[in-house]
Amino acid sequence: MKPRKNLQLIMALAESEMKQKDLAEKAGVSRAIISMALNGRYVPSPEHMHRIACALDSTAQELFGEEK
């Protein structure tokens, strides 16, 4: 089964006008974590979700929550 891209995270990153590298630095995580999360190959830990969400002025639920 092919991983599903995280469209909410992709859109938030695009709206922020940051590059993956910039988001990683602001969130205090590696660029690899950002890349894998965007591509749906990795679900970040709750702490990393929170850091990424804060860096994007969002919430972990909005970016990583269940789709309805």
N, C-alpha and C. Protein backbone atom coordinates (compact mmCIF):
# COMPACT_ATOMS: atom_id res chain seq x y z
N MET A 1 0.84 -1.18 0.00
CA MET A 1 0.00 0.00 0.00
C MET A 1 0.89 1.25 0.00
N LYS A 2 0.59 2.16 -0.87
CA LYS A 2 1.37 3.38 -1.02
C LYS A 2 1.05 4.36 0.12
N PRO A 3 2.10 4.98 0.72
CA PRO A 3 1.85 5.97 1.78
C PRO A 3 1.00 7.13 1.26
N ARG A 4 0.19 7.68 2.14
CA ARG A 4 -0.69 8.80 1.78
C ARG A 4 -0.07 10.11 2.23
N LYS A 5 0.09 11.04 1.31
CA LYS A 5 0.67 12.34 1.65
C LYS A 5 -0.21 13.07 2.65
N ASN A 6 0.42 13.84 3.50
CA ASN A 6 -0.30 14.62 4.50
C ASN A 6 -0.66 15.97 3.87
N LEU A 7 -1.83 16.04 3.28
CA LEU A 7 -2.24 17.25 2.55
C LEU A 7 -2.39 18.46 3.45
N GLN A 8 -2.84 18.25 4.69
CA GLN A 8 -2.97 19.38 5.62
C GLN A 8 -1.61 20.00 5.91
N LEU A 9 -0.62 19.15 6.13
CA LEU A 9 0.73 19.63 6.40
C LEU A 9 1.33 20.28 5.16
N ILE A 10 1.11 19.71 4.01
CA ILE A 10 1.60 20.28 2.75
C ILE A 10 1.02 21.68 2.54
N MET A 11 -0.29 21.82 2.76
CA MET A 11 -0.94 23.12 2.57
C MET A 11 -0.44 24.15 3.59
N ALA A 12 -0.29 23.74 4.84
CA ALA A 12 0.19 24.65 5.88
C ALA A 12 1.61 25.11 5.58
N LEU A 13 2.44 24.22 5.10
CA LEU A 13 3.82 24.59 4.76
C LEU A 13 3.83 25.56 3.58
N ALA A 14 3.01 25.31 2.58
CA ALA A 14 2.93 26.21 1.43
C ALA A 14 2.44 27.59 1.84
N GLU A 15 1.41 27.63 2.69
CA GLU A 15 0.86 28.91 3.15
C GLU A 15 1.87 29.70 3.98
N SER A 16 2.74 28.98 4.68
CA SER A 16 3.73 29.65 5.53
C SER A 16 4.87 30.25 4.70
N GLU A 17 4.99 29.81 3.46
CA GLU A 17 6.06 30.23 2.56
C GLU A 17 7.45 29.87 3.07
N MET A 18 7.50 28.86 3.96
CA MET A 18 8.78 28.34 4.43
C MET A 18 9.18 27.15 3.58
N LYS A 19 10.45 26.87 3.55
CA LYS A 19 10.97 25.65 2.94
C LYS A 19 10.99 24.58 4.03
N GLN A 20 11.12 23.31 3.63
CA GLN A 20 11.20 22.23 4.60
C GLN A 20 12.32 22.48 5.60
N LYS A 21 13.45 22.94 5.12
CA LYS A 21 14.61 23.20 5.98
C LYS A 21 14.27 24.25 7.03
N ASP A 22 13.57 25.31 6.61
CA ASP A 22 13.19 26.38 7.54
C ASP A 22 12.24 25.86 8.61
N LEU A 23 11.26 25.06 8.20
CA LEU A 23 10.31 24.50 9.14
C LEU A 23 11.02 23.58 10.14
N ALA A 24 11.92 22.76 9.64
CA ALA A 24 12.67 21.86 10.52
C ALA A 24 13.45 22.64 11.56
N GLU A 25 14.11 23.70 11.14
CA GLU A 25 14.88 24.52 12.08
C GLU A 25 13.98 25.19 13.10
N LYS A 26 12.87 25.76 12.64
CA LYS A 26 11.94 26.45 13.54
C LYS A 26 11.29 25.49 14.54
N ALA A 27 11.02 24.26 14.08
CA ALA A 27 10.37 23.26 14.94
C ALA A 27 11.37 22.48 15.79
N GLY A 28 12.65 22.58 15.46
CA GLY A 28 13.66 21.85 16.22
C GLY A 28 13.68 20.36 15.93
N VAL A 29 13.34 20.00 14.68
CA VAL A 29 13.38 18.60 14.24
C VAL A 29 14.24 18.51 12.99
N SER A 30 14.54 17.30 12.56
CA SER A 30 15.35 17.14 11.35
C SER A 30 14.51 17.37 10.10
N ARG A 31 15.18 17.75 9.01
CA ARG A 31 14.48 17.92 7.75
C ARG A 31 13.93 16.58 7.27
N ALA A 32 14.60 15.49 7.62
CA ALA A 32 14.12 14.16 7.23
C ALA A 32 12.75 13.88 7.85
N ILE A 33 12.55 14.28 9.10
CA ILE A 33 11.25 14.09 9.75
C ILE A 33 10.17 14.87 9.00
N ILE A 34 10.49 16.11 8.63
CA ILE A 34 9.52 16.93 7.88
C ILE A 34 9.19 16.27 6.55
N SER A 35 10.21 15.85 5.82
CA SER A 35 10.02 15.22 4.51
C SER A 35 9.18 13.95 4.61
N MET A 36 9.52 13.08 5.56
CA MET A 36 8.78 11.83 5.70
C MET A 36 7.34 12.07 6.16
N ALA A 37 7.12 13.06 7.02
CA ALA A 37 5.76 13.39 7.46
C ALA A 37 4.93 13.92 6.30
N LEU A 38 5.54 14.77 5.48
CA LEU A 38 4.83 15.31 4.31
C LEU A 38 4.43 14.19 3.35
N ASN A 39 5.32 13.23 3.17
CA ASN A 39 5.08 12.15 2.22
C ASN A 39 4.29 10.98 2.79
N GLY A 40 3.90 11.08 4.06
CA GLY A 40 3.09 10.03 4.66
C GLY A 40 3.86 8.77 5.01
N ARG A 41 5.17 8.84 5.03
CA ARG A 41 5.99 7.66 5.34
C ARG A 41 6.34 7.59 6.82
N TYR A 42 5.93 8.58 7.59
CA TYR A 42 6.30 8.64 9.00
C TYR A 42 5.26 9.44 9.76
N VAL A 43 4.85 8.91 10.91
CA VAL A 43 3.97 9.66 11.80
C VAL A 43 4.85 10.16 12.94
N PRO A 44 5.02 11.48 13.03
CA PRO A 44 5.89 12.03 14.08
C PRO A 44 5.37 11.70 15.48
N SER A 45 6.28 11.72 16.43
CA SER A 45 5.89 11.54 17.83
C SER A 45 4.99 12.70 18.23
N PRO A 46 4.20 12.53 19.29
CA PRO A 46 3.34 13.63 19.74
C PRO A 46 4.12 14.92 20.00
N GLU A 47 5.30 14.82 20.56
CA GLU A 47 6.11 16.02 20.81
C GLU A 47 6.52 16.69 19.50
N HIS A 48 6.93 15.89 18.52
CA HIS A 48 7.31 16.47 17.22
C HIS A 48 6.10 17.06 16.51
N MET A 49 4.95 16.39 16.62
CA MET A 49 3.73 16.95 16.03
C MET A 49 3.45 18.33 16.61
N HIS A 50 3.56 18.43 17.93
CA HIS A 50 3.30 19.71 18.60
C HIS A 50 4.29 20.78 18.13
N ARG A 51 5.56 20.44 18.06
CA ARG A 51 6.58 21.41 17.62
C ARG A 51 6.33 21.88 16.19
N ILE A 52 6.02 20.93 15.30
CA ILE A 52 5.76 21.27 13.89
C ILE A 52 4.53 22.16 13.80
N ALA A 53 3.48 21.79 14.52
CA ALA A 53 2.25 22.57 14.49
C ALA A 53 2.48 23.98 15.01
N CYS A 54 3.19 24.13 16.11
CA CYS A 54 3.48 25.46 16.67
C CYS A 54 4.28 26.30 15.68
N ALA A 55 5.24 25.68 15.01
CA ALA A 55 6.06 26.40 14.03
C ALA A 55 5.21 26.90 12.86
N LEU A 56 4.09 26.23 12.61
CA LEU A 56 3.19 26.62 11.52
C LEU A 56 1.96 27.37 12.03
N ASP A 57 1.97 27.80 13.29
CA ASP A 57 0.83 28.49 13.89
C ASP A 57 -0.46 27.69 13.71
N SER A 58 -0.38 26.41 14.00
CA SER A 58 -1.51 25.52 13.84
C SER A 58 -1.57 24.60 15.06
N THR A 59 -2.38 23.57 14.97
CA THR A 59 -2.45 22.58 16.05
C THR A 59 -2.09 21.21 15.47
N ALA A 60 -1.66 20.32 16.35
CA ALA A 60 -1.33 18.97 15.92
C ALA A 60 -2.59 18.29 15.37
N GLN A 61 -3.73 18.54 15.97
CA GLN A 61 -4.99 17.93 15.50
C GLN A 61 -5.30 18.37 14.07
N GLU A 62 -5.12 19.67 13.78
CA GLU A 62 -5.40 20.15 12.43
C GLU A 62 -4.47 19.54 11.39
N LEU A 63 -3.20 19.37 11.76
CA LEU A 63 -2.22 18.88 10.78
C LEU A 63 -2.11 17.38 10.71
N PHE A 64 -2.33 16.68 11.82
CA PHE A 64 -2.10 15.25 11.86
C PHE A 64 -3.31 14.45 12.29
N GLY A 65 -4.43 15.13 12.57
CA GLY A 65 -5.64 14.45 13.06
C GLY A 65 -6.27 13.55 12.02
N GLU A 66 -7.20 12.76 12.49
CA GLU A 66 -7.93 11.86 11.63
C GLU A 66 -8.78 12.63 10.62
N GLU A 67 -8.79 12.15 9.38
CA GLU A 67 -9.67 12.75 8.38
C GLU A 67 -11.08 12.23 8.61
N LYS A 68 -12.05 13.10 8.40
CA LYS A 68 -13.44 12.69 8.62
C LYS A 68 -14.19 12.70 7.33
